[in-house]
Amino acid sequence: MSLPEAVLIDVPADPRFLNIISAAIEAYLDRVPEIDDRGTIIYNLKLAAQECCTNIIDHSYAEESGGRIGVCLTVLREPRRLVVEFHDTGISVEPATVTEPQLKVGSERGYGLFLMHELMDDVNYSQDERGNCWRLVKLL
């Protein structure tokens, strides 16, 4: 089985461009054969990507305009999984300091990181001299 090459996307850190990332995820996975429950997996990936990018826009680039979000989509083997990496050069974050949402109370905001962890098989954050990187993994 031949898997697609990595796809790189670079968009402005602006909510008006998030649909481009969602469309790219769906189009990319349309080229990957034999995905069980394709519709659910694509929906979950798109939602997690939207939450990740919204957090980057609202928090990493909260104090500046003109930021960019780099996205890399890659399907890997053994186990077969989609890896989506989001790169930015904004303010770094410490995920351990983010409070869990109070699900019984309800709120309009604060569910992004929680949803990312619920929808993905693995979520990692790292930073280095080049900036911030969120790595979301979904088994296929």
C-alpha atoms as a PDB file:
ATOM      1  CA  MET A   1       0.000   0.000   0.000  1.00  0.00           C
ATOM      2  CA  SER A   2       1.382   3.394  -1.004  1.00  0.00           C
ATOM      3  CA  LEU A   3       0.687   6.220   1.402  1.00  0.00           C
ATOM      4  CA  PRO A   4       0.557   9.908   0.393  1.00  0.00           C
ATOM      5  CA  GLU A   5       3.504  12.221   0.784  1.00  0.00           C
ATOM      6  CA  ALA A   6       3.525  14.850   3.516  1.00  0.00           C
ATOM      7  CA  VAL A   7       1.490  17.976   2.807  1.00  0.00           C
ATOM      8  CA  LEU A   8       2.627  21.380   4.088  1.00  0.00           C
ATOM      9  CA  ILE A   9       0.294  24.342   4.506  1.00  0.00           C
ATOM     10  CA  ASP A  10       1.050  27.843   5.733  1.00  0.00           C
ATOM     11  CA  VAL A  11      -1.861  30.151   6.573  1.00  0.00           C
ATOM     12  CA  PRO A  12      -2.307  33.473   8.339  1.00  0.00           C
ATOM     13  CA  ALA A  13      -3.179  33.137  12.038  1.00  0.00           C
ATOM     14  CA  ASP A  14      -6.682  34.384  11.395  1.00  0.00           C
ATOM     15  CA  PRO A  15      -9.974  32.512  11.923  1.00  0.00           C
ATOM     16  CA  ARG A  16     -11.003  33.320   8.331  1.00  0.00           C
ATOM     17  CA  PHE A  17      -8.375  30.854   7.060  1.00  0.00           C
ATOM     18  CA  LEU A  18      -9.137  27.865   9.301  1.00  0.00           C
ATOM     19  CA  ASN A  19     -11.481  26.355   6.727  1.00  0.00           C
ATOM     20  CA  ILE A  20      -8.466  25.890   4.433  1.00  0.00           C
ATOM     21  CA  ILE A  21      -6.862  23.601   7.023  1.00  0.00           C
ATOM     22  CA  SER A  22     -10.091  21.618   7.453  1.00  0.00           C
ATOM     23  CA  ALA A  23     -10.474  21.230   3.696  1.00  0.00           C
ATOM     24  CA  ALA A  24      -6.850  20.079   3.386  1.00  0.00           C
ATOM     25  CA  ILE A  25      -7.302  17.433   6.095  1.00  0.00           C
ATOM     26  CA  GLU A  26     -10.383  16.047   4.374  1.00  0.00           C
ATOM     27  CA  ALA A  27      -8.830  16.121   0.894  1.00  0.00           C
ATOM     28  CA  TYR A  28      -5.639  14.487   2.176  1.00  0.00           C
ATOM     29  CA  LEU A  29      -7.504  11.658   3.914  1.00  0.00           C
ATOM     30  CA  ASP A  30      -9.634  11.104   0.800  1.00  0.00           C
ATOM     31  CA  ARG A  31      -6.413   9.813  -0.767  1.00  0.00           C
ATOM     32  CA  VAL A  32      -5.716   7.329   2.033  1.00  0.00           C
ATOM     33  CA  PRO A  33      -7.307   3.926   1.361  1.00  0.00           C
ATOM     34  CA  GLU A  34      -9.054   1.665   3.857  1.00  0.00           C
ATOM     35  CA  ILE A  35      -9.943   3.983   6.720  1.00  0.00           C
ATOM     36  CA  ASP A  36     -12.650   2.513   8.944  1.00  0.00           C
ATOM     37  CA  ASP A  37     -15.348   4.993   9.989  1.00  0.00           C
ATOM     38  CA  ARG A  38     -13.842   7.599   7.662  1.00  0.00           C
ATOM     39  CA  GLY A  39     -16.545  10.209   8.323  1.00  0.00           C
ATOM     40  CA  THR A  40     -16.096  10.168  12.097  1.00  0.00           C
ATOM     41  CA  ILE A  41     -12.304  10.229  11.878  1.00  0.00           C
ATOM     42  CA  ILE A  42     -12.336  13.182   9.465  1.00  0.00           C
ATOM     43  CA  TYR A  43     -14.855  15.063  11.626  1.00  0.00           C
ATOM     44  CA  ASN A  44     -12.780  14.488  14.781  1.00  0.00           C
ATOM     45  CA  LEU A  45      -9.552  15.544  13.077  1.00  0.00           C
ATOM     46  CA  LYS A  46     -11.102  18.700  11.669  1.00  0.00           C
ATOM     47  CA  LEU A  47     -12.588  19.658  15.049  1.00  0.00           C
ATOM     48  CA  ALA A  48      -9.303  19.033  16.890  1.00  0.00           C
ATOM     49  CA  ALA A  49      -7.425  21.052  14.251  1.00  0.00           C
ATOM     50  CA  GLN A  50      -9.892  23.938  14.578  1.00  0.00           C
ATOM     51  CA  GLU A  51      -9.476  23.928  18.360  1.00  0.00           C
ATOM     52  CA  CYS A  52      -5.687  23.830  18.123  1.00  0.00           C
ATOM     53  CA  CYS A  53      -5.536  26.672  15.610  1.00  0.00           C
ATOM     54  CA  THR A  54      -8.054  28.761  17.553  1.00  0.00           C
ATOM     55  CA  ASN A  55      -5.863  28.392  20.649  1.00  0.00           C
ATOM     56  CA  ILE A  56      -2.808  29.456  18.652  1.00  0.00           C
ATOM     57  CA  ILE A  57      -4.647  32.511  17.327  1.00  0.00           C
ATOM     58  CA  ASP A  58      -6.202  33.490  20.678  1.00  0.00           C
ATOM     59  CA  HIS A  59      -3.264  32.723  22.967  1.00  0.00           C
ATOM     60  CA  SER A  60       0.059  32.422  21.105  1.00  0.00           C
ATOM     61  CA  TYR A  61      -0.651  35.422  18.897  1.00  0.00           C
ATOM     62  CA  ALA A  62      -2.869  37.308  21.367  1.00  0.00           C
ATOM     63  CA  GLU A  63      -0.526  40.298  21.487  1.00  0.00           C
ATOM     64  CA  GLU A  64       0.524  40.487  17.823  1.00  0.00           C
ATOM     65  CA  SER A  65      -0.907  40.493  14.341  1.00  0.00           C
ATOM     66  CA  GLY A  66       0.613  39.033  11.212  1.00  0.00           C
ATOM     67  CA  GLY A  67       1.349  35.624  12.744  1.00  0.00           C
ATOM     68  CA  ARG A  68       1.380  32.451  10.671  1.00  0.00           C
ATOM     69  CA  ILE A  69       0.408  28.841  11.331  1.00  0.00           C
ATOM     70  CA  GLY A  70       2.369  26.125   9.568  1.00  0.00           C
ATOM     71  CA  VAL A  71       0.652  22.754   9.219  1.00  0.00           C
ATOM     72  CA  CYS A  72       2.201  19.423   8.235  1.00  0.00           C
ATOM     73  CA  LEU A  73      -0.011  16.399   7.447  1.00  0.00           C
ATOM     74  CA  THR A  74       1.669  12.990   7.274  1.00  0.00           C
ATOM     75  CA  VAL A  75       0.390   9.408   7.269  1.00  0.00           C
ATOM     76  CA  LEU A  76       2.819   7.014   8.950  1.00  0.00           C
ATOM     77  CA  ARG A  77       2.873   3.212   9.093  1.00  0.00           C
ATOM     78  CA  GLU A  78       3.103   0.759  11.981  1.00  0.00           C
ATOM     79  CA  PRO A  79       0.713   1.632  13.392  1.00  0.00           C
ATOM     80  CA  ARG A  80      -0.962   3.493  10.559  1.00  0.00           C
ATOM     81  CA  ARG A  81      -1.774   6.974  11.798  1.00  0.00           C
ATOM     82  CA  LEU A  82      -2.208  10.550  10.685  1.00  0.00           C
ATOM     83  CA  VAL A  83       0.152  13.043  12.288  1.00  0.00           C
ATOM     84  CA  VAL A  84      -0.846  16.704  12.123  1.00  0.00           C
ATOM     85  CA  GLU A  85       1.710  19.221  13.326  1.00  0.00           C
ATOM     86  CA  PHE A  86       0.933  22.886  13.921  1.00  0.00           C
ATOM     87  CA  HIS A  87       3.840  25.338  14.106  1.00  0.00           C
ATOM     88  CA  ASP A  88       3.760  28.952  15.267  1.00  0.00           C
ATOM     89  CA  THR A  89       6.201  31.582  16.488  1.00  0.00           C
ATOM     90  CA  GLY A  90       3.945  33.210  19.060  1.00  0.00           C
ATOM     91  CA  ILE A  91       3.979  33.143  22.848  1.00  0.00           C
ATOM     92  CA  SER A  92       4.748  29.719  24.298  1.00  0.00           C
ATOM     93  CA  VAL A  93       2.305  27.910  26.554  1.00  0.00           C
ATOM     94  CA  GLU A  94       2.611  25.409  29.367  1.00  0.00           C
ATOM     95  CA  PRO A  95      -0.235  22.905  28.769  1.00  0.00           C
ATOM     96  CA  ALA A  96       0.012  21.576  32.339  1.00  0.00           C
ATOM     97  CA  THR A  97      -1.137  24.985  33.635  1.00  0.00           C
ATOM     98  CA  VAL A  98      -4.347  24.954  31.589  1.00  0.00           C
ATOM     99  CA  THR A  99      -7.272  24.186  33.884  1.00  0.00           C
ATOM    100  CA  GLU A 100      -9.705  21.436  32.971  1.00  0.00           C
ATOM    101  CA  PRO A 101     -13.142  22.710  31.961  1.00  0.00           C
ATOM    102  CA  GLN A 102     -15.936  22.274  34.493  1.00  0.00           C
ATOM    103  CA  LEU A 103     -18.247  20.134  32.363  1.00  0.00           C
ATOM    104  CA  LYS A 104     -21.133  20.179  34.835  1.00  0.00           C
ATOM    105  CA  VAL A 105     -21.119  23.973  35.095  1.00  0.00           C
ATOM    106  CA  GLY A 106     -20.751  24.778  31.413  1.00  0.00           C
ATOM    107  CA  SER A 107     -18.902  27.612  29.768  1.00  0.00           C
ATOM    108  CA  GLU A 108     -18.610  29.247  26.371  1.00  0.00           C
ATOM    109  CA  ARG A 109     -14.810  28.900  26.300  1.00  0.00           C
ATOM    110  CA  GLY A 110     -12.042  26.697  27.638  1.00  0.00           C
ATOM    111  CA  TYR A 111     -12.771  23.357  25.954  1.00  0.00           C
ATOM    112  CA  GLY A 112     -10.090  23.420  23.231  1.00  0.00           C
ATOM    113  CA  LEU A 113      -7.302  21.441  24.861  1.00  0.00           C
ATOM    114  CA  PHE A 114      -9.812  19.090  26.492  1.00  0.00           C
ATOM    115  CA  LEU A 115     -11.436  18.339  23.111  1.00  0.00           C
ATOM    116  CA  MET A 116      -8.080  17.825  21.436  1.00  0.00           C
ATOM    117  CA  HIS A 117      -7.184  15.158  24.016  1.00  0.00           C
ATOM    118  CA  GLU A 118     -10.631  13.533  23.774  1.00  0.00           C
ATOM    119  CA  LEU A 119     -10.648  13.355  19.962  1.00  0.00           C
ATOM    120  CA  MET A 120      -7.029  12.387  19.271  1.00  0.00           C
ATOM    121  CA  ASP A 121      -5.019   9.322  20.239  1.00  0.00           C
ATOM    122  CA  ASP A 122      -2.044  11.459  21.217  1.00  0.00           C
ATOM    123  CA  VAL A 123      -1.477  15.197  21.756  1.00  0.00           C
ATOM    124  CA  ASN A 124       1.980  16.658  22.408  1.00  0.00           C
ATOM    125  CA  TYR A 125       3.304  20.179  22.714  1.00  0.00           C
ATOM    126  CA  SER A 126       6.931  21.232  22.401  1.00  0.00           C
ATOM    127  CA  GLN A 127       8.908  24.397  21.885  1.00  0.00           C
ATOM    128  CA  ASP A 128      12.376  25.220  20.674  1.00  0.00           C
ATOM    129  CA  GLU A 129      14.270  28.134  19.143  1.00  0.00           C
ATOM    130  CA  ARG A 130      12.046  27.952  16.042  1.00  0.00           C
ATOM    131  CA  GLY A 131       8.789  28.310  18.007  1.00  0.00           C
ATOM    132  CA  ASN A 132       5.914  26.172  19.221  1.00  0.00           C
ATOM    133  CA  CYS A 133       4.741  22.818  17.871  1.00  0.00           C
ATOM    134  CA  TRP A 134       1.512  20.964  18.586  1.00  0.00           C
ATOM    135  CA  ARG A 135       1.553  17.330  17.390  1.00  0.00           C
ATOM    136  CA  LEU A 136      -1.829  15.593  17.078  1.00  0.00           C
ATOM    137  CA  VAL A 137      -1.965  11.891  16.212  1.00  0.00           C
ATOM    138  CA  LYS A 138      -4.993   9.858  15.110  1.00  0.00           C
ATOM    139  CA  LEU A 139      -4.786   6.113  14.509  1.00  0.00           C
ATOM    140  CA  LEU A 140      -6.273   5.071  11.188  1.00  0.00           C
END
